[in-house]
Amino acid sequence: MKIMKFGGTSVGRPERMHQVKDLVTMGDEPRIVVLSALSGTTNALVGIGEALAAADKELAKQRIDELNAHYLVFYKELLKSDEARAKAEGIIKEHFEFLNILLKISFNEAINRDILAQGELLSTKLFYTLLEELQIPAVFLPALDFMSIDENSEPELGKISEKLKSILADYSDETLFVTQGYICKNHRNEVDNLKRGGSDYTASLIASAIQASACEIWTDIDGMHNNDPRIVDKTRPIAALSFDEAAELAYFGAKILHPASIWPAQLYNVPVKLLNTMQPEAQGTLIKAEVDAIGVKAIAAKDGITAIKIKSSRMLLAYGFLRRVFEIFEKYKTPIDMITTSEVAVSVTIDDLTHLDQILGELDALGSVEVDKNQAIVCIVGNEISETKGVIKAVMDALEDIPVRMVSYGGSRHNVSLLIDAKYKNEALQKLNTDLFSW
């Protein structure tokens, strides 16, 4: 059995949902289809939640009505028969009645998570209605019946596997299943989610839970590119990446893949394929355990980075200094991206500023603290590049006119990361593209 995940743009228009129908009904191998919300829906739902949180019920009602109108147009273009259209209209009515009820009750975070879940519930129910109309046998598989996270918002892979395998055992003769990405239940049995972009994560977790033959991620681009095509001309898709290389690229800015979606597949050695819904014949990118090619494969950049430098004249003699620094970040559950040290200072980068003020307040007790916001991490990724002669020189030569704030080299065999001011990011990507890749 394989997993096929389709993103919001892949199902965002009726004709594209029909393309997805064609793709998932090709071949004989059983498959679980994981769908995101229709493109634009999650943003609209976020807006509804924000309006309710601000007690602006008039604005919330306006946004609910606008989204409702979009779906009322969508289903009429998607479906042809009166029976299917009536069913779709009922589905849409049910979900928007739920959103309208929320205008009358007190808003809280649990309600907000319920709001955000509506997008995936709508997309999968409408897609399943399309399959029914076309008399394509399929099983509707509610993600809330098996997807769960613990009190730390971490997926419970063992429980997911046990529940999902039990459900699938009841449908041993079926070959097509439809479920939601993104949504799950938390440890309080409330509706929750895997955060933005979490449908990729869902697909990878399901693939791992059942040890699938492959996890296909279908988007609107033909694989992971060797640079950001929005910034750099003439980028090209990468045919193959290792799990480690793909994880580095996803974490450091490659938008095509959710950063967390690699480890479950890597855990059970499930190949991940990045494919293009609009160009299904394209080769795409295959992510697997090992690839033979050594050297620079791709460049990615991550915005919204803040650098924090902690300087102490007693650092050399202060046993446990680094431990105390890291404990502060751990206390506030704030991950560190990069770290560099000298004899008297340590510099780290973060992208989550939720607890920045509290973190800085506690770091002040350890020494003088400097903060640089609006930074960007540029990451050069490739198999064993930290051991490849000339790579670091080529990188530094390409960026000789750009001030580099930090360098991380040798921490991983697969990447070289640099911190620069965000205003230089586009220039850095273009210069590196010119110097590191030959066309």
Protein backbone atom coordinates (compact mmCIF):
# COMPACT_ATOMS: atom_id res chain seq x y z
CA MET A 1 0.00 0.00 0.00
CA LYS A 2 1.20 3.52 -0.78
CA ILE A 3 0.29 6.96 0.50
CA MET A 4 -0.67 9.80 -1.86
CA LYS A 5 -0.88 13.28 -0.33
CA PHE A 6 -2.29 16.23 -2.28
CA GLY A 7 -1.80 19.83 -1.20
CA GLY A 8 -4.22 22.74 -1.28
CA THR A 9 -3.35 23.89 -4.79
CA SER A 10 -3.82 20.33 -6.07
CA VAL A 11 -7.45 20.31 -4.91
CA GLY A 12 -8.09 24.06 -4.93
CA ARG A 13 -10.16 24.12 -8.12
CA PRO A 14 -12.82 21.68 -9.34
CA GLU A 15 -10.82 20.70 -12.42
CA ARG A 16 -7.78 19.99 -10.28
CA MET A 17 -9.78 17.80 -7.93
CA HIS A 18 -10.79 15.84 -11.02
CA GLN A 19 -7.09 15.49 -11.90
CA VAL A 20 -6.49 14.11 -8.42
CA LYS A 21 -9.32 11.63 -8.98
CA ASP A 22 -7.58 10.44 -12.15
CA LEU A 23 -4.24 10.05 -10.37
CA VAL A 24 -5.56 8.09 -7.40
CA THR A 25 -7.48 5.65 -9.58
CA MET A 26 -4.47 4.68 -11.72
CA GLY A 27 -2.76 1.35 -11.03
CA ASP A 28 -3.67 -1.63 -8.88
CA GLU A 29 -1.73 -0.95 -5.68
CA PRO A 30 -3.95 -0.03 -2.71
CA ARG A 31 -3.49 3.55 -1.58
CA ILE A 32 -4.48 5.97 1.15
CA VAL A 33 -5.19 9.45 -0.19
CA VAL A 34 -4.41 12.32 2.20
CA LEU A 35 -5.92 15.69 1.32
CA SER A 36 -5.20 19.21 2.50
CA ALA A 37 -7.86 21.90 2.66
CA LEU A 38 -8.71 23.72 -0.57
CA SER A 39 -6.15 26.45 -1.24
CA GLY A 40 -6.98 29.63 0.63
CA THR A 41 -9.33 27.89 3.07
CA THR A 42 -6.97 27.58 6.02
CA ASN A 43 -6.01 31.25 5.71
CA ALA A 44 -9.70 32.15 5.69
CA LEU A 45 -10.35 29.99 8.75
CA VAL A 46 -7.41 31.61 10.54
CA GLY A 47 -9.01 34.99 9.76
CA ILE A 48 -12.33 33.85 11.20
CA GLY A 49 -10.61 32.71 14.37
CA GLU A 50 -8.71 35.99 14.68
CA ALA A 51 -11.92 37.98 14.32
CA LEU A 52 -13.65 35.89 16.99
CA ALA A 53 -10.63 36.21 19.30
CA ALA A 54 -10.89 39.99 18.91
CA ALA A 55 -14.64 39.79 19.69
CA ASP A 56 -15.38 41.24 16.24
CA LYS A 57 -18.34 39.02 15.41
CA GLU A 58 -19.43 41.19 12.51
CA LEU A 59 -16.10 40.66 10.76
CA ALA A 60 -16.14 36.96 11.63
CA LYS A 61 -19.64 36.63 10.12
CA GLN A 62 -18.49 38.43 6.96
CA ARG A 63 -15.54 36.06 6.58
CA ILE A 64 -17.71 33.00 7.19
CA ASP A 65 -20.17 34.13 4.52
CA GLU A 66 -17.39 34.83 2.00
CA LEU A 67 -15.90 31.37 2.49
CA ASN A 68 -19.35 29.78 2.32
CA ALA A 69 -20.02 31.51 -1.00
CA HIS A 70 -16.77 30.11 -2.40
CA TYR A 71 -17.79 26.54 -1.55
CA LEU A 72 -21.27 26.99 -2.98
CA VAL A 73 -19.70 27.85 -6.32
CA PHE A 74 -17.05 25.12 -6.01
CA TYR A 75 -19.36 22.13 -5.54
CA LYS A 76 -21.58 23.07 -8.50
CA GLU A 77 -18.56 23.04 -10.80
CA LEU A 78 -17.19 19.85 -9.22
CA LEU A 79 -20.30 17.68 -9.43
CA LYS A 80 -22.85 17.04 -12.17
CA SER A 81 -25.70 14.91 -10.84
CA ASP A 82 -28.55 16.31 -8.75
CA GLU A 83 -28.01 13.61 -6.12
CA ALA A 84 -24.29 14.37 -5.68
CA ARG A 85 -24.91 18.11 -5.64
CA ALA A 86 -27.60 17.73 -3.00
CA LYS A 87 -25.24 15.71 -0.82
CA ALA A 88 -22.44 18.27 -1.26
CA GLU A 89 -24.79 21.12 -0.44
CA GLY A 90 -25.75 19.31 2.76
CA ILE A 91 -22.10 18.83 3.70
CA ILE A 92 -21.33 22.51 3.18
CA LYS A 93 -24.45 23.57 5.09
CA GLU A 94 -23.49 21.39 8.06
CA HIS A 95 -19.98 22.81 8.37
CA PHE A 96 -20.96 26.43 7.92
CA GLU A 97 -23.83 26.09 10.39
CA PHE A 98 -21.17 24.93 12.85
CA LEU A 99 -19.04 28.02 12.12
CA ASN A 100 -22.07 30.29 12.54
CA ILE A 101 -22.93 28.71 15.89
CA LEU A 102 -19.50 29.78 17.13
CA LEU A 103 -20.58 33.40 16.74
CA LYS A 104 -22.90 32.87 19.70
CA ILE A 105 -20.49 31.30 22.21
CA SER A 106 -17.34 32.31 24.05
CA PHE A 107 -14.16 31.90 22.03
CA ASN A 108 -11.22 29.85 23.30
CA GLU A 109 -8.23 28.00 21.85
CA ALA A 110 -10.08 24.67 21.65
CA ILE A 111 -12.78 26.34 19.53
CA ASN A 112 -10.08 27.83 17.32
CA ARG A 113 -8.68 24.36 16.66
CA ASP A 114 -12.19 23.18 15.73
CA ILE A 115 -12.42 26.07 13.28
CA LEU A 116 -9.10 25.18 11.66
CA ALA A 117 -10.18 21.56 11.19
CA GLN A 118 -13.10 22.47 8.92
CA GLY A 119 -10.96 22.87 5.79
CA GLU A 120 -9.69 19.29 5.63
CA LEU A 121 -13.08 17.91 6.63
CA LEU A 122 -14.74 19.79 3.77
CA SER A 123 -12.16 18.91 1.10
CA THR A 124 -12.21 15.18 1.87
CA LYS A 125 -16.00 14.95 2.06
CA LEU A 126 -16.39 16.76 -1.26
CA PHE A 127 -13.74 14.57 -2.89
CA TYR A 128 -15.41 11.45 -1.54
CA THR A 129 -18.73 12.68 -2.92
CA LEU A 130 -17.06 13.03 -6.34
CA LEU A 131 -15.84 9.42 -6.13
CA GLU A 132 -19.34 8.28 -5.19
CA GLU A 133 -20.88 10.18 -8.10
CA LEU A 134 -18.47 8.45 -10.49
CA GLN A 135 -19.11 5.07 -8.81
CA ILE A 136 -15.47 4.68 -7.83
CA PRO A 137 -15.27 2.35 -4.81
CA ALA A 138 -13.56 3.99 -1.84
CA VAL A 139 -13.57 4.09 1.96
CA PHE A 140 -13.84 7.34 3.91
CA LEU A 141 -11.24 7.16 6.69
CA PRO A 142 -11.67 9.91 9.33
CA ALA A 143 -8.24 11.01 10.56
CA LEU A 144 -9.71 11.85 13.96
CA ASP A 145 -10.28 8.10 14.47
CA PHE A 146 -6.56 7.29 14.46
CA MET A 147 -4.30 10.38 14.34
CA SER A 148 -3.21 11.52 17.82
CA ILE A 149 -0.61 13.63 19.60
CA ASP A 150 0.60 13.55 23.21
CA GLU A 151 0.77 16.33 25.80
CA ASN A 152 3.92 17.68 24.12
CA SER A 153 2.15 17.84 20.73
CA GLU A 154 4.28 14.95 19.47
CA PRO A 155 2.62 12.29 17.28
CA GLU A 156 1.91 9.00 19.03
CA LEU A 157 3.24 6.82 16.24
CA GLY A 158 2.70 3.54 18.10
CA LYS A 159 -0.97 4.31 18.82
CA ILE A 160 -1.50 5.62 15.29
CA SER A 161 -0.11 2.39 13.85
CA GLU A 162 -2.20 0.16 16.12
CA LYS A 163 -5.47 2.01 15.44
CA LEU A 164 -4.91 2.39 11.70
CA LYS A 165 -3.94 -1.22 11.12
CA SER A 166 -7.04 -2.33 13.03
CA ILE A 167 -9.28 -0.12 10.89
CA LEU A 168 -7.69 -1.23 7.62
CA ALA A 169 -8.09 -4.89 8.61
CA ASP A 170 -11.86 -4.39 8.40
CA TYR A 171 -11.51 -3.34 4.74
CA SER A 172 -9.06 -5.94 3.44
CA ASP A 173 -10.77 -6.07 0.03
CA GLU A 174 -10.74 -2.30 -0.53
CA THR A 175 -8.00 -0.50 -2.47
CA LEU A 176 -8.80 3.21 -2.10
CA PHE A 177 -9.05 5.16 1.15
CA VAL A 178 -9.56 8.92 1.67
CA THR A 179 -8.48 10.76 4.81
CA GLN A 180 -7.58 14.20 6.10
CA GLY A 181 -4.16 15.68 6.54
CA TYR A 182 -3.27 18.12 9.32
CA ILE A 183 -5.98 17.29 11.87
CA CYS A 184 -5.71 14.95 14.85
CA LYS A 185 -6.84 14.42 18.45
CA ASN A 186 -4.74 15.59 21.39
CA HIS A 187 -4.18 13.92 24.78
CA ARG A 188 -7.43 15.47 26.05
CA ASN A 189 -9.30 13.90 23.12
CA GLU A 190 -9.93 17.35 21.65
CA VAL A 191 -9.61 18.23 17.98
CA ASP A 192 -6.09 19.50 17.34
CA ASN A 193 -3.64 19.76 14.46
CA LEU A 194 -0.06 19.19 13.34
CA LYS A 195 0.47 22.92 12.66
CA ARG A 196 0.65 24.63 9.24
CA GLY A 197 1.89 22.37 6.47
CA GLY A 198 1.04 19.38 8.63
CA SER A 199 -0.62 17.37 5.86
CA ASP A 200 2.84 16.28 4.68
CA TYR A 201 3.51 15.19 8.24
CA THR A 202 0.24 13.23 8.32
CA ALA A 203 1.16 11.41 5.12
CA SER A 204 4.61 10.50 6.41
CA LEU A 205 3.24 9.32 9.76
CA ILE A 206 0.64 7.14 8.03
CA ALA A 207 3.30 5.75 5.70
CA SER A 208 5.45 4.84 8.68
CA ALA A 209 2.53 3.47 10.69
CA ILE A 210 1.69 0.90 8.02
CA GLN A 211 5.21 0.56 6.52
CA ALA A 212 3.95 1.74 3.14
CA SER A 213 5.78 1.05 -0.10
CA ALA A 214 6.06 4.79 -0.77
CA CYS A 215 4.86 8.17 0.42
CA GLU A 216 3.99 10.43 -2.52
CA ILE A 217 3.72 14.17 -1.89
CA TRP A 218 1.87 15.81 -4.81
CA THR A 219 2.16 19.60 -5.14
CA ASP A 220 2.23 22.20 -7.92
CA ILE A 221 5.98 21.99 -8.58
CA ASP A 222 7.96 19.16 -10.18
CA GLY A 223 10.09 18.12 -7.21
CA MET A 224 12.49 19.86 -4.87
CA HIS A 225 14.61 22.40 -6.77
CA ASN A 226 18.29 23.16 -6.29
CA ASN A 227 17.46 26.75 -5.31
CA ASP A 228 14.44 28.95 -4.67
CA PRO A 229 12.71 29.36 -8.08
CA ARG A 230 10.89 32.46 -6.79
CA ILE A 231 14.24 34.24 -6.44
CA VAL A 232 16.69 32.50 -8.78
CA ASP A 233 16.23 31.93 -12.50
CA LYS A 234 16.85 28.58 -14.17
CA THR A 235 16.61 26.35 -11.13
CA ARG A 236 16.17 22.64 -11.72
CA PRO A 237 14.52 19.76 -9.86
CA ILE A 238 16.80 17.34 -8.04
CA ALA A 239 16.31 13.73 -9.12
CA ALA A 240 17.35 12.11 -5.83
CA LEU A 241 18.15 13.12 -2.27
CA SER A 242 18.99 11.20 0.87
CA PHE A 243 16.71 11.53 3.88
CA ASP A 244 19.40 13.59 5.61
CA GLU A 245 19.77 15.99 2.69
CA ALA A 246 16.02 16.43 2.30
CA ALA A 247 15.59 17.04 6.02
CA GLU A 248 18.23 19.77 5.96
CA LEU A 249 16.61 21.47 2.96
CA ALA A 250 13.10 21.24 4.37
CA TYR A 251 14.14 22.62 7.75
CA PHE A 252 16.16 25.44 6.29
CA GLY A 253 13.58 26.83 3.93
CA ALA A 254 12.60 24.55 1.04
CA LYS A 255 8.83 25.13 1.10
CA ILE A 256 7.79 22.06 -0.88
CA LEU A 257 8.12 19.72 2.10
CA HIS A 258 7.16 20.07 5.77
CA PRO A 259 10.36 19.87 7.88
CA ALA A 260 8.99 17.24 10.28
CA SER A 261 7.83 14.88 7.54
CA ILE A 262 11.19 13.21 6.92
CA TRP A 263 11.90 11.45 10.22
CA PRO A 264 8.89 9.08 10.24
CA ALA A 265 9.66 7.93 6.70
CA GLN A 266 13.35 7.63 7.52
CA LEU A 267 12.53 5.62 10.65
CA TYR A 268 10.95 2.85 8.58
CA ASN A 269 12.88 3.50 5.36
CA VAL A 270 9.79 4.48 3.36
CA PRO A 271 10.80 6.26 0.11
CA VAL A 272 9.27 9.73 -0.31
CA LYS A 273 8.44 10.99 -3.79
CA LEU A 274 7.81 14.67 -4.53
CA LEU A 275 5.58 14.89 -7.62
CA ASN A 276 3.65 17.49 -9.62
CA THR A 277 -0.13 17.15 -9.85
CA MET A 278 -0.22 19.46 -12.88
CA GLN A 279 2.63 17.62 -14.60
CA PRO A 280 2.36 14.01 -13.41
CA GLU A 281 4.75 12.74 -16.08
CA ALA A 282 7.63 14.77 -14.58
CA GLN A 283 10.27 12.73 -12.77
CA GLY A 284 10.08 14.71 -9.55
CA THR A 285 12.38 14.01 -6.61
CA LEU A 286 12.95 10.66 -4.91
CA ILE A 287 14.03 10.77 -1.26
CA LYS A 288 15.51 7.56 0.09
CA ALA A 289 18.07 6.24 2.54
CA GLU A 290 21.20 6.53 0.43
CA VAL A 291 22.26 8.36 -2.71
CA ASP A 292 25.61 7.95 -4.42
CA ALA A 293 26.32 11.45 -5.68
CA ILE A 294 28.65 13.53 -3.49
CA GLY A 295 28.84 17.33 -3.54
CA VAL A 296 26.56 20.34 -3.49
CA LYS A 297 22.97 19.47 -4.37
CA ALA A 298 20.88 22.48 -3.38
CA ILE A 299 20.62 25.79 -1.57
CA ALA A 300 17.80 26.95 0.71
CA ALA A 301 17.18 29.99 2.90
CA LYS A 302 15.17 30.50 6.06
CA ASP A 303 13.82 33.95 6.96
CA GLY A 304 12.71 35.42 10.26
CA ILE A 305 15.85 34.49 12.17
CA THR A 306 17.04 36.25 15.34
CA ALA A 307 20.64 35.94 16.52
CA ILE A 308 21.47 36.15 20.22
CA LYS A 309 25.04 36.58 21.48
CA ILE A 310 25.86 35.94 25.13
CA LYS A 311 29.29 37.20 26.20
CA SER A 312 30.94 36.45 29.53
CA SER A 313 34.49 37.32 30.54
CA ARG A 314 34.41 34.30 32.87
CA MET A 315 33.26 31.79 30.26
CA LEU A 316 36.56 29.94 30.04
CA LEU A 317 36.58 29.34 33.78
CA ALA A 318 32.81 28.95 34.22
CA TYR A 319 32.10 25.24 34.26
CA GLY A 320 28.58 24.53 32.93
CA PHE A 321 28.16 27.88 31.17
CA LEU A 322 26.80 26.35 27.95
CA ARG A 323 24.53 24.04 29.89
CA ARG A 324 22.96 27.01 31.68
CA VAL A 325 22.47 28.81 28.37
CA PHE A 326 20.74 25.84 26.77
CA GLU A 327 18.58 25.19 29.83
CA ILE A 328 17.01 28.63 29.39
CA PHE A 329 15.98 27.86 25.82
CA GLU A 330 14.77 24.42 26.87
CA LYS A 331 12.67 25.96 29.66
CA TYR A 332 10.77 28.03 27.09
CA LYS A 333 10.66 25.22 24.48
CA THR A 334 12.49 27.39 21.95
CA PRO A 335 14.60 25.42 19.43
CA ILE A 336 18.04 26.68 18.40
CA ASP A 337 18.96 26.54 14.70
CA MET A 338 22.65 27.46 14.71
CA ILE A 339 25.34 27.84 17.34
CA THR A 340 28.90 29.16 17.32
CA THR A 341 31.25 29.60 20.26
CA SER A 342 34.44 31.46 21.10
CA GLU A 343 36.48 31.61 24.29
CA VAL A 344 34.25 34.26 25.84
CA ALA A 345 30.96 34.15 23.91
CA VAL A 346 28.32 31.93 22.42
CA SER A 347 25.97 32.94 19.60
CA VAL A 348 22.73 31.12 18.79
CA THR A 349 19.86 31.65 16.37
CA ILE A 350 16.14 31.10 16.87
CA ASP A 351 13.05 31.58 14.71
CA ASP A 352 10.40 31.42 17.45
CA LEU A 353 10.16 34.75 19.28
CA THR A 354 7.19 33.81 21.49
CA HIS A 355 9.26 33.91 24.68
CA LEU A 356 12.10 36.16 23.55
CA ASP A 357 11.67 38.70 26.34
CA GLN A 358 11.71 36.04 29.07
CA ILE A 359 14.72 34.32 27.48
CA LEU A 360 16.68 37.57 27.28
CA GLY A 361 15.79 38.39 30.87
CA GLU A 362 17.30 35.13 32.11
CA LEU A 363 20.33 35.30 29.80
CA ASP A 364 21.20 38.71 31.26
CA ALA A 365 22.25 36.94 34.45
CA LEU A 366 24.93 35.05 32.52
CA GLY A 367 26.62 37.99 30.79
CA SER A 368 26.05 40.77 28.29
CA VAL A 369 23.49 39.97 25.61
CA GLU A 370 23.27 41.29 22.04
CA VAL A 371 20.29 40.67 19.75
CA ASP A 372 20.21 40.93 15.95
CA LYS A 373 16.79 40.53 14.35
CA ASN A 374 15.84 40.29 10.65
CA GLN A 375 18.49 37.70 9.86
CA ALA A 376 18.41 34.80 7.39
CA ILE A 377 20.08 31.41 7.36
CA VAL A 378 21.42 30.27 4.01
CA CYS A 379 22.01 26.54 3.89
CA ILE A 380 24.12 24.75 1.27
CA VAL A 381 23.22 21.04 1.22
CA GLY A 382 24.82 18.01 -0.35
CA ASN A 383 26.04 14.52 0.46
CA GLU A 384 29.28 14.68 2.47
CA ILE A 385 29.97 18.30 1.49
CA SER A 386 31.68 19.01 4.80
CA GLU A 387 34.32 16.49 3.69
CA THR A 388 34.49 17.63 0.06
CA LYS A 389 37.57 19.69 -0.80
CA GLY A 390 37.01 23.28 -1.86
CA VAL A 391 33.36 23.62 -0.87
CA ILE A 392 33.82 26.10 1.97
CA LYS A 393 36.23 28.18 -0.14
CA ALA A 394 33.76 28.26 -3.04
CA VAL A 395 30.98 29.35 -0.69
CA MET A 396 33.04 32.12 0.88
CA ASP A 397 34.33 33.30 -2.50
CA ALA A 398 30.76 33.58 -3.78
CA LEU A 399 29.79 35.68 -0.76
CA GLU A 400 32.93 37.81 -0.53
CA ASP A 401 30.89 41.04 -0.80
CA ILE A 402 28.23 39.97 1.68
CA PRO A 403 28.84 40.26 5.45
CA VAL A 404 28.52 36.84 7.12
CA ARG A 405 27.43 36.92 10.77
CA MET A 406 27.85 33.21 11.65
CA VAL A 407 29.03 29.99 9.99
CA SER A 408 28.09 26.43 10.94
CA TYR A 409 30.48 23.96 9.33
CA GLY A 410 31.14 20.37 10.33
CA GLY A 411 28.16 19.89 12.62
CA SER A 412 26.60 17.86 9.82
CA ARG A 413 28.28 16.06 6.95
CA HIS A 414 25.54 17.32 4.67
CA ASN A 415 25.35 21.09 5.08
CA VAL A 416 27.13 24.37 5.48
CA SER A 417 24.96 27.08 7.04
CA LEU A 418 25.58 30.80 7.14
CA LEU A 419 23.78 33.60 8.93
CA ILE A 420 23.45 36.88 7.06
CA ASP A 421 21.31 39.99 7.27
CA ALA A 422 17.99 39.23 5.57
CA LYS A 423 18.45 42.15 3.18
CA TYR A 424 21.27 40.19 1.50
CA LYS A 425 19.35 36.92 1.16
CA ASN A 426 18.28 37.20 -2.49
CA GLU A 427 21.72 38.38 -3.56
CA ALA A 428 23.35 35.51 -1.65
CA LEU A 429 21.11 32.89 -3.27
CA GLN A 430 21.84 34.25 -6.73
CA LYS A 431 25.62 34.47 -6.20
CA LEU A 432 25.81 30.97 -4.74
CA ASN A 433 23.71 29.64 -7.60
CA THR A 434 26.12 31.13 -10.14
CA ASP A 435 29.28 29.93 -8.41
CA LEU A 436 28.26 26.48 -7.16
CA PHE A 437 26.29 25.09 -10.08
CA SER A 438 27.46 24.74 -13.67
CA TRP A 439 24.71 24.78 -16.26
